[in-house]
Amino acid sequence: LDLDLLLYADLQCLKPGLTLPHPRMHQR
């Protein structure tokens, strides 16, 4: 099982352990 947090509201975040939107989701 893989559960990826893709989007959280319109938040853009680049912190250790959490990148939003999920990286590469726009290419999959």
Full PDB file with SEQRES, HELIX, SHEET, SSBOND, CRYST1, ORIGX, SCALE, CONECT and MASTER records, all heavy atoms in Angstrom:
SEQRES   1 A   28  LEU ASP LEU ASP LEU LEU LEU TYR ALA ASP LEU GLN CYS          
SEQRES   2 A   28  LEU LYS PRO GLY LEU THR LEU PRO HIS PRO ARG MET HIS          
SEQRES   3 A   28  GLN ARG                                                      
HELIX    1 AA1 MET A   25  GLN A   27  5                                   3    
SHEET    1 AA1 2 CYS A  13  LYS A  15  0                                        
SHEET    2 AA1 2 LEU A  18  LEU A  20 -1                                        
CRYST1    1.000    1.000    1.000  90.00  90.00  90.00 P 1           1          
ORIGX1      1.000000  0.000000  0.000000        0.00000                         
ORIGX2      0.000000  1.000000  0.000000        0.00000                         
ORIGX3      0.000000  0.000000  1.000000        0.00000                         
SCALE1      1.000000  0.000000  0.000000        0.00000                         
SCALE2      0.000000  1.000000  0.000000        0.00000                         
SCALE3      0.000000  0.000000  1.000000        0.00000                         
ATOM      1  N   LEU A   1       0.837  -1.191   0.000  1.00  0.00           N  
ATOM      2  CA  LEU A   1       0.000   0.000   0.000  1.00  0.00           C  
ATOM      3  C   LEU A   1       0.872   1.240   0.000  1.00  0.00           C  
ATOM      4  O   LEU A   1       1.859   1.315   0.726  1.00  0.00           O  
ATOM      5  CB  LEU A   1      -0.915   0.020   1.241  1.00  0.00           C  
ATOM      6  CG  LEU A   1      -1.899   1.179   1.326  1.00  0.00           C  
ATOM      7  CD1 LEU A   1      -2.879   1.181   0.152  1.00  0.00           C  
ATOM      8  CD2 LEU A   1      -2.654   1.146   2.644  1.00  0.00           C  
ATOM      9  N   ASP A   2       0.481   2.185  -0.814  1.00  0.00           N  
ATOM     10  CA  ASP A   2       1.148   3.478  -0.876  1.00  0.00           C  
ATOM     11  C   ASP A   2       0.062   4.542  -0.793  1.00  0.00           C  
ATOM     12  O   ASP A   2      -0.888   4.516  -1.575  1.00  0.00           O  
ATOM     13  CB  ASP A   2       1.917   3.595  -2.196  1.00  0.00           C  
ATOM     14  CG  ASP A   2       2.802   4.817  -2.270  1.00  0.00           C  
ATOM     15  OD1 ASP A   2       3.200   5.334  -1.213  1.00  0.00           O  
ATOM     16  OD2 ASP A   2       3.109   5.251  -3.393  1.00  0.00           O  
ATOM     17  N   LEU A   3       0.164   5.418   0.181  1.00  0.00           N  
ATOM     18  CA  LEU A   3      -0.773   6.538   0.338  1.00  0.00           C  
ATOM     19  C   LEU A   3       0.032   7.824   0.263  1.00  0.00           C  
ATOM     20  O   LEU A   3       0.899   8.071   1.097  1.00  0.00           O  
ATOM     21  CB  LEU A   3      -1.495   6.461   1.689  1.00  0.00           C  
ATOM     22  CG  LEU A   3      -2.364   5.234   1.921  1.00  0.00           C  
ATOM     23  CD1 LEU A   3      -2.910   5.229   3.344  1.00  0.00           C  
ATOM     24  CD2 LEU A   3      -3.482   5.158   0.910  1.00  0.00           C  
ATOM     25  N   ASP A   4      -0.227   8.618  -0.757  1.00  0.00           N  
ATOM     26  CA  ASP A   4       0.493   9.871  -0.950  1.00  0.00           C  
ATOM     27  C   ASP A   4      -0.438  11.054  -0.800  1.00  0.00           C  
ATOM     28  O   ASP A   4      -1.492  11.103  -1.442  1.00  0.00           O  
ATOM     29  CB  ASP A   4       1.120   9.925  -2.351  1.00  0.00           C  
ATOM     30  CG  ASP A   4       2.273   8.960  -2.528  1.00  0.00           C  
ATOM     31  OD1 ASP A   4       2.958   8.660  -1.525  1.00  0.00           O  
ATOM     32  OD2 ASP A   4       2.492   8.505  -3.660  1.00  0.00           O  
ATOM     33  N   LEU A   5      -0.047  12.004   0.031  1.00  0.00           N  
ATOM     34  CA  LEU A   5      -0.780  13.258   0.149  1.00  0.00           C  
ATOM     35  C   LEU A   5      -0.436  14.092  -1.076  1.00  0.00           C  
ATOM     36  O   LEU A   5       0.698  14.528  -1.250  1.00  0.00           O  
ATOM     37  CB  LEU A   5      -0.398  13.980   1.444  1.00  0.00           C  
ATOM     38  CG  LEU A   5      -1.079  15.313   1.718  1.00  0.00           C  
ATOM     39  CD1 LEU A   5      -2.597  15.203   1.654  1.00  0.00           C  
ATOM     40  CD2 LEU A   5      -0.626  15.859   3.072  1.00  0.00           C  
ATOM     41  N   LEU A   6      -1.414  14.260  -1.949  1.00  0.00           N  
ATOM     42  CA  LEU A   6      -1.208  14.965  -3.215  1.00  0.00           C  
ATOM     43  C   LEU A   6      -1.362  16.473  -3.055  1.00  0.00           C  
ATOM     44  O   LEU A   6      -0.486  17.247  -3.461  1.00  0.00           O  
ATOM     45  CB  LEU A   6      -2.215  14.486  -4.260  1.00  0.00           C  
ATOM     46  CG  LEU A   6      -2.181  13.019  -4.639  1.00  0.00           C  
ATOM     47  CD1 LEU A   6      -3.354  12.692  -5.556  1.00  0.00           C  
ATOM     48  CD2 LEU A   6      -0.857  12.673  -5.286  1.00  0.00           C  
ATOM     49  N   LEU A   7      -2.506  16.868  -2.538  1.00  0.00           N  
ATOM     50  CA  LEU A   7      -2.859  18.273  -2.404  1.00  0.00           C  
ATOM     51  C   LEU A   7      -3.525  18.488  -1.057  1.00  0.00           C  
ATOM     52  O   LEU A   7      -4.289  17.632  -0.588  1.00  0.00           O  
ATOM     53  CB  LEU A   7      -3.846  18.692  -3.500  1.00  0.00           C  
ATOM     54  CG  LEU A   7      -3.383  18.583  -4.944  1.00  0.00           C  
ATOM     55  CD1 LEU A   7      -4.565  18.710  -5.897  1.00  0.00           C  
ATOM     56  CD2 LEU A   7      -2.333  19.641  -5.245  1.00  0.00           C  
ATOM     57  N   TYR A   8      -3.258  19.630  -0.463  1.00  0.00           N  
ATOM     58  CA  TYR A   8      -3.901  20.036   0.778  1.00  0.00           C  
ATOM     59  C   TYR A   8      -4.308  21.489   0.577  1.00  0.00           C  
ATOM     60  O   TYR A   8      -3.452  22.378   0.558  1.00  0.00           O  
ATOM     61  CB  TYR A   8      -2.935  19.906   1.952  1.00  0.00           C  
ATOM     62  CG  TYR A   8      -3.535  20.203   3.298  1.00  0.00           C  
ATOM     63  CD1 TYR A   8      -3.974  19.170   4.115  1.00  0.00           C  
ATOM     64  CD2 TYR A   8      -3.656  21.505   3.762  1.00  0.00           C  
ATOM     65  CE1 TYR A   8      -4.521  19.437   5.369  1.00  0.00           C  
ATOM     66  CE2 TYR A   8      -4.206  21.782   4.996  1.00  0.00           C  
ATOM     67  CZ  TYR A   8      -4.632  20.742   5.798  1.00  0.00           C  
ATOM     68  OH  TYR A   8      -5.176  21.006   7.031  1.00  0.00           O  
ATOM     69  N   ALA A   9      -5.619  21.699   0.339  1.00  0.00           N  
ATOM     70  CA  ALA A   9      -6.130  23.022  -0.058  1.00  0.00           C  
ATOM     71  C   ALA A   9      -5.279  23.500  -1.232  1.00  0.00           C  
ATOM     72  O   ALA A   9      -4.992  22.721  -2.138  1.00  0.00           O  
ATOM     73  CB  ALA A   9      -6.135  23.967   1.124  1.00  0.00           C  
ATOM     74  N   ASP A  10      -4.848  24.734  -1.204  1.00  0.00           N  
ATOM     75  CA  ASP A  10      -3.960  25.215  -2.269  1.00  0.00           C  
ATOM     76  C   ASP A  10      -2.547  25.447  -1.735  1.00  0.00           C  
ATOM     77  O   ASP A  10      -1.767  26.210  -2.292  1.00  0.00           O  
ATOM     78  CB  ASP A  10      -4.517  26.484  -2.912  1.00  0.00           C  
ATOM     79  CG  ASP A  10      -4.696  27.619  -1.910  1.00  0.00           C  
ATOM     80  OD1 ASP A  10      -4.430  27.405  -0.704  1.00  0.00           O  
ATOM     81  OD2 ASP A  10      -5.102  28.721  -2.327  1.00  0.00           O  
ATOM     82  N   LEU A  11      -2.219  24.752  -0.652  1.00  0.00           N  
ATOM     83  CA  LEU A  11      -0.937  24.907   0.016  1.00  0.00           C  
ATOM     84  C   LEU A  11       0.220  24.461  -0.867  1.00  0.00           C  
ATOM     85  O   LEU A  11       0.170  23.401  -1.489  1.00  0.00           O  
ATOM     86  CB  LEU A  11      -0.929  24.094   1.316  1.00  0.00           C  
ATOM     87  CG  LEU A  11       0.334  24.177   2.169  1.00  0.00           C  
ATOM     88  CD1 LEU A  11       0.524  25.588   2.713  1.00  0.00           C  
ATOM     89  CD2 LEU A  11       0.237  23.183   3.323  1.00  0.00           C  
ATOM     90  N   GLN A  12       1.252  25.278  -0.888  1.00  0.00           N  
ATOM     91  CA  GLN A  12       2.522  24.901  -1.497  1.00  0.00           C  
ATOM     92  C   GLN A  12       3.543  24.863  -0.367  1.00  0.00           C  
ATOM     93  O   GLN A  12       3.674  25.835   0.382  1.00  0.00           O  
ATOM     94  CB  GLN A  12       2.937  25.894  -2.581  1.00  0.00           C  
ATOM     95  CG  GLN A  12       1.976  25.860  -3.768  1.00  0.00           C  
ATOM     96  CD  GLN A  12       2.442  26.753  -4.900  1.00  0.00           C  
ATOM     97  OE1 GLN A  12       3.524  26.550  -5.433  1.00  0.00           O  
ATOM     98  NE2 GLN A  12       1.616  27.726  -5.259  1.00  0.00           N  
ATOM     99  N   CYS A  13       4.217  23.742  -0.232  1.00  0.00           N  
ATOM    100  CA  CYS A  13       5.093  23.517   0.912  1.00  0.00           C  
ATOM    101  C   CYS A  13       6.300  22.698   0.468  1.00  0.00           C  
ATOM    102  O   CYS A  13       6.152  21.704  -0.251  1.00  0.00           O  
ATOM    103  CB  CYS A  13       4.311  22.767   1.987  1.00  0.00           C  
ATOM    104  SG  CYS A  13       5.280  22.224   3.392  1.00  0.00           S  
ATOM    105  N   LEU A  14       7.469  23.102   0.892  1.00  0.00           N  
ATOM    106  CA  LEU A  14       8.693  22.338   0.621  1.00  0.00           C  
ATOM    107  C   LEU A  14       9.488  22.289   1.922  1.00  0.00           C  
ATOM    108  O   LEU A  14      10.294  23.163   2.216  1.00  0.00           O  
ATOM    109  CB  LEU A  14       9.505  22.987  -0.496  1.00  0.00           C  
ATOM    110  CG  LEU A  14      10.775  22.267  -0.928  1.00  0.00           C  
ATOM    111  CD1 LEU A  14      10.468  20.826  -1.332  1.00  0.00           C  
ATOM    112  CD2 LEU A  14      11.426  22.995  -2.077  1.00  0.00           C  
ATOM    113  N   LYS A  15       9.162  21.265   2.715  1.00  0.00           N  
ATOM    114  CA  LYS A  15       9.818  21.069   4.008  1.00  0.00           C  
ATOM    115  C   LYS A  15      10.319  19.637   4.068  1.00  0.00           C  
ATOM    116  O   LYS A  15       9.783  18.761   3.380  1.00  0.00           O  
ATOM    117  CB  LYS A  15       8.829  21.315   5.156  1.00  0.00           C  
ATOM    118  CG  LYS A  15       8.365  22.745   5.273  1.00  0.00           C  
ATOM    119  CD  LYS A  15       7.460  22.925   6.471  1.00  0.00           C  
ATOM    120  CE  LYS A  15       7.015  24.373   6.573  1.00  0.00           C  
ATOM    121  NZ  LYS A  15       6.090  24.577   7.680  1.00  0.00           N  
ATOM    122  N   PRO A  16      11.302  19.366   4.906  1.00  0.00           N  
ATOM    123  CA  PRO A  16      11.756  17.974   5.045  1.00  0.00           C  
ATOM    124  C   PRO A  16      10.581  17.061   5.408  1.00  0.00           C  
ATOM    125  O   PRO A  16       9.850  17.330   6.347  1.00  0.00           O  
ATOM    126  CB  PRO A  16      12.783  18.038   6.178  1.00  0.00           C  
ATOM    127  CG  PRO A  16      13.274  19.460   6.154  1.00  0.00           C  
ATOM    128  CD  PRO A  16      12.077  20.283   5.727  1.00  0.00           C  
ATOM    129  N   GLY A  17      10.364  16.048   4.600  1.00  0.00           N  
ATOM    130  CA  GLY A  17       9.293  15.090   4.853  1.00  0.00           C  
ATOM    131  C   GLY A  17       7.946  15.455   4.270  1.00  0.00           C  
ATOM    132  O   GLY A  17       7.038  14.639   4.290  1.00  0.00           O  
ATOM    133  N   LEU A  18       7.775  16.690   3.778  1.00  0.00           N  
ATOM    134  CA  LEU A  18       6.482  17.091   3.231  1.00  0.00           C  
ATOM    135  C   LEU A  18       6.664  18.083   2.089  1.00  0.00           C  
ATOM    136  O   LEU A  18       7.155  19.197   2.303  1.00  0.00           O  
ATOM    137  CB  LEU A  18       5.595  17.719   4.310  1.00  0.00           C  
ATOM    138  CG  LEU A  18       4.209  18.177   3.850  1.00  0.00           C  
ATOM    139  CD1 LEU A  18       3.363  17.001   3.382  1.00  0.00           C  
ATOM    140  CD2 LEU A  18       3.497  18.926   4.968  1.00  0.00           C  
ATOM    141  N   THR A  19       6.270  17.647   0.899  1.00  0.00           N  
ATOM    142  CA  THR A  19       6.271  18.516  -0.272  1.00  0.00           C  
ATOM    143  C   THR A  19       4.860  18.532  -0.842  1.00  0.00           C  
ATOM    144  O   THR A  19       4.296  17.478  -1.111  1.00  0.00           O  
ATOM    145  CB  THR A  19       7.266  18.011  -1.345  1.00  0.00           C  
ATOM    146  OG1 THR A  19       8.579  17.967  -0.782  1.00  0.00           O  
ATOM    147  CG2 THR A  19       7.270  18.917  -2.559  1.00  0.00           C  
ATOM    148  N   LEU A  20       4.309  19.730  -0.974  1.00  0.00           N  
ATOM    149  CA  LEU A  20       2.975  19.902  -1.546  1.00  0.00           C  
ATOM    150  C   LEU A  20       3.008  20.996  -2.598  1.00  0.00           C  
ATOM    151  O   LEU A  20       3.625  22.038  -2.349  1.00  0.00           O  
ATOM    152  CB  LEU A  20       1.965  20.280  -0.458  1.00  0.00           C  
ATOM    153  CG  LEU A  20       1.637  19.186   0.543  1.00  0.00           C  
ATOM    154  CD1 LEU A  20       0.842  19.746   1.707  1.00  0.00           C  
ATOM    155  CD2 LEU A  20       0.879  18.055  -0.123  1.00  0.00           C  
ATOM    156  N   PRO A  21       2.363  20.796  -3.727  1.00  0.00           N  
ATOM    157  CA  PRO A  21       1.767  19.545  -4.161  1.00  0.00           C  
ATOM    158  C   PRO A  21       2.815  18.425  -4.220  1.00  0.00           C  
ATOM    159  O   PRO A  21       4.011  18.686  -4.283  1.00  0.00           O  
ATOM    160  CB  PRO A  21       1.234  19.852  -5.558  1.00  0.00           C  
ATOM    161  CG  PRO A  21       1.405  21.307  -5.789  1.00  0.00           C  
ATOM    162  CD  PRO A  21       2.292  21.845  -4.731  1.00  0.00           C  
ATOM    163  N   HIS A  22       2.311  17.195  -4.229  1.00  0.00           N  
ATOM    164  CA  HIS A  22       3.210  16.047  -4.275  1.00  0.00           C  
ATOM    165  C   HIS A  22       4.090  16.148  -5.522  1.00  0.00           C  
ATOM    166  O   HIS A  22       3.583  16.403  -6.614  1.00  0.00           O  
ATOM    167  CB  HIS A  22       2.401  14.747  -4.303  1.00  0.00           C  
ATOM    168  CG  HIS A  22       3.246  13.536  -4.130  1.00  0.00           C  
ATOM    169  ND1 HIS A  22       3.949  12.973  -5.163  1.00  0.00           N  
ATOM    170  CD2 HIS A  22       3.513  12.783  -3.046  1.00  0.00           C  
ATOM    171  CE1 HIS A  22       4.621  11.925  -4.715  1.00  0.00           C  
ATOM    172  NE2 HIS A  22       4.365  11.788  -3.431  1.00  0.00           N  
ATOM    173  N   PRO A  23       5.401  15.965  -5.363  1.00  0.00           N  
ATOM    174  CA  PRO A  23       6.287  16.088  -6.531  1.00  0.00           C  
ATOM    175  C   PRO A  23       5.963  15.032  -7.587  1.00  0.00           C  
ATOM    176  O   PRO A  23       5.615  13.912  -7.254  1.00  0.00           O  
ATOM    177  CB  PRO A  23       7.687  15.886  -5.943  1.00  0.00           C  
ATOM    178  CG  PRO A  23       7.487  15.232  -4.624  1.00  0.00           C  
ATOM    179  CD  PRO A  23       6.107  15.589  -4.150  1.00  0.00           C  
ATOM    180  N   ARG A  24       6.033  15.393  -8.800  1.00  0.00           N  
ATOM    181  CA  ARG A  24       5.821  14.535  -9.971  1.00  0.00           C  
ATOM    182  C   ARG A  24       4.365  14.111 -10.177  1.00  0.00           C  
ATOM    183  O   ARG A  24       4.079  13.427 -11.141  1.00  0.00           O  
ATOM    184  CB  ARG A  24       6.751  13.310  -9.958  1.00  0.00           C  
ATOM    185  CG  ARG A  24       8.222  13.673  -9.979  1.00  0.00           C  
ATOM    186  CD  ARG A  24       9.145  12.477  -9.761  1.00  0.00           C  
ATOM    187  NE  ARG A  24       8.841  11.685  -8.584  1.00  0.00           N  
ATOM    188  CZ  ARG A  24       9.136  12.013  -7.313  1.00  0.00           C  
ATOM    189  NH1 ARG A  24       9.735  13.149  -7.064  1.00  0.00           N  
ATOM    190  NH2 ARG A  24       8.836  11.212  -6.311  1.00  0.00           N  
ATOM    191  N   MET A  25       3.445  14.498  -9.313  1.00  0.00           N  
ATOM    192  CA  MET A  25       2.045  14.098  -9.533  1.00  0.00           C  
ATOM    193  C   MET A  25       1.535  14.637 -10.863  1.00  0.00           C  
ATOM    194  O   MET A  25       0.716  14.008 -11.512  1.00  0.00           O  
ATOM    195  CB  MET A  25       1.136  14.542  -8.391  1.00  0.00           C  
ATOM    196  CG  MET A  25       0.883  16.033  -8.306  1.00  0.00           C  
ATOM    197  SD  MET A  25      -0.336  16.500  -7.045  1.00  0.00           S  
ATOM    198  CE  MET A  25      -1.866  16.113  -7.881  1.00  0.00           C  
ATOM    199  N   HIS A  26       2.050  15.776 -11.265  1.00  0.00           N  
ATOM    200  CA  HIS A  26       1.616  16.422 -12.507  1.00  0.00           C  
ATOM    201  C   HIS A  26       2.138  15.709 -13.753  1.00  0.00           C  
ATOM    202  O   HIS A  26       1.735  16.034 -14.858  1.00  0.00           O  
ATOM    203  CB  HIS A  26       2.064  17.889 -12.515  1.00  0.00           C  
ATOM    204  CG  HIS A  26       3.544  18.064 -12.479  1.00  0.00           C  
ATOM    205  ND1 HIS A  26       4.274  17.898 -11.316  1.00  0.00           N  
ATOM    206  CD2 HIS A  26       4.422  18.372 -13.455  1.00  0.00           C  
ATOM    207  CE1 HIS A  26       5.545  18.104 -11.590  1.00  0.00           C  
ATOM    208  NE2 HIS A  26       5.671  18.386 -12.870  1.00  0.00           N  
ATOM    209  N   GLN A  27       2.993  14.692 -13.561  1.00  0.00           N  
ATOM    210  CA  GLN A  27       3.569  13.934 -14.674  1.00  0.00           C  
ATOM    211  C   GLN A  27       3.080  12.491 -14.702  1.00  0.00           C  
ATOM    212  O   GLN A  27       3.612  11.689 -15.464  1.00  0.00           O  
ATOM    213  CB  GLN A  27       5.100  13.929 -14.557  1.00  0.00           C  
ATOM    214  CG  GLN A  27       5.710  15.303 -14.565  1.00  0.00           C  
ATOM    215  CD  GLN A  27       7.183  15.282 -14.185  1.00  0.00           C  
ATOM    216  OE1 GLN A  27       7.621  14.461 -13.381  1.00  0.00           O  
ATOM    217  NE2 GLN A  27       7.947  16.178 -14.771  1.00  0.00           N  
ATOM    218  N   ARG A  28       2.117  12.140 -13.891  1.00  0.00           N  
ATOM    219  CA  ARG A  28       1.712  10.744 -13.723  1.00  0.00           C  
ATOM    220  C   ARG A  28       0.239  10.538 -14.032  1.00  0.00           C  
ATOM    221  O   ARG A  28      -0.639  10.968 -13.277  1.00  0.00           O  
ATOM    222  CB  ARG A  28       2.025  10.291 -12.300  1.00  0.00           C  
ATOM    223  CG  ARG A  28       3.517  10.316 -12.024  1.00  0.00           C  
ATOM    224  CD  ARG A  28       3.810   9.960 -10.615  1.00  0.00           C  
ATOM    225  NE  ARG A  28       5.242   9.745 -10.442  1.00  0.00           N  
ATOM    226  CZ  ARG A  28       5.822   9.577  -9.287  1.00  0.00           C  
ATOM    227  NH1 ARG A  28       5.108   9.590  -8.174  1.00  0.00           N  
ATOM    228  NH2 ARG A  28       7.125   9.373  -9.218  1.00  0.00           N  
TER     229      ARG A  28                                                      
MASTER        0    0    0    1    2    0    0    6  228    1    0    3          
END                                                                             
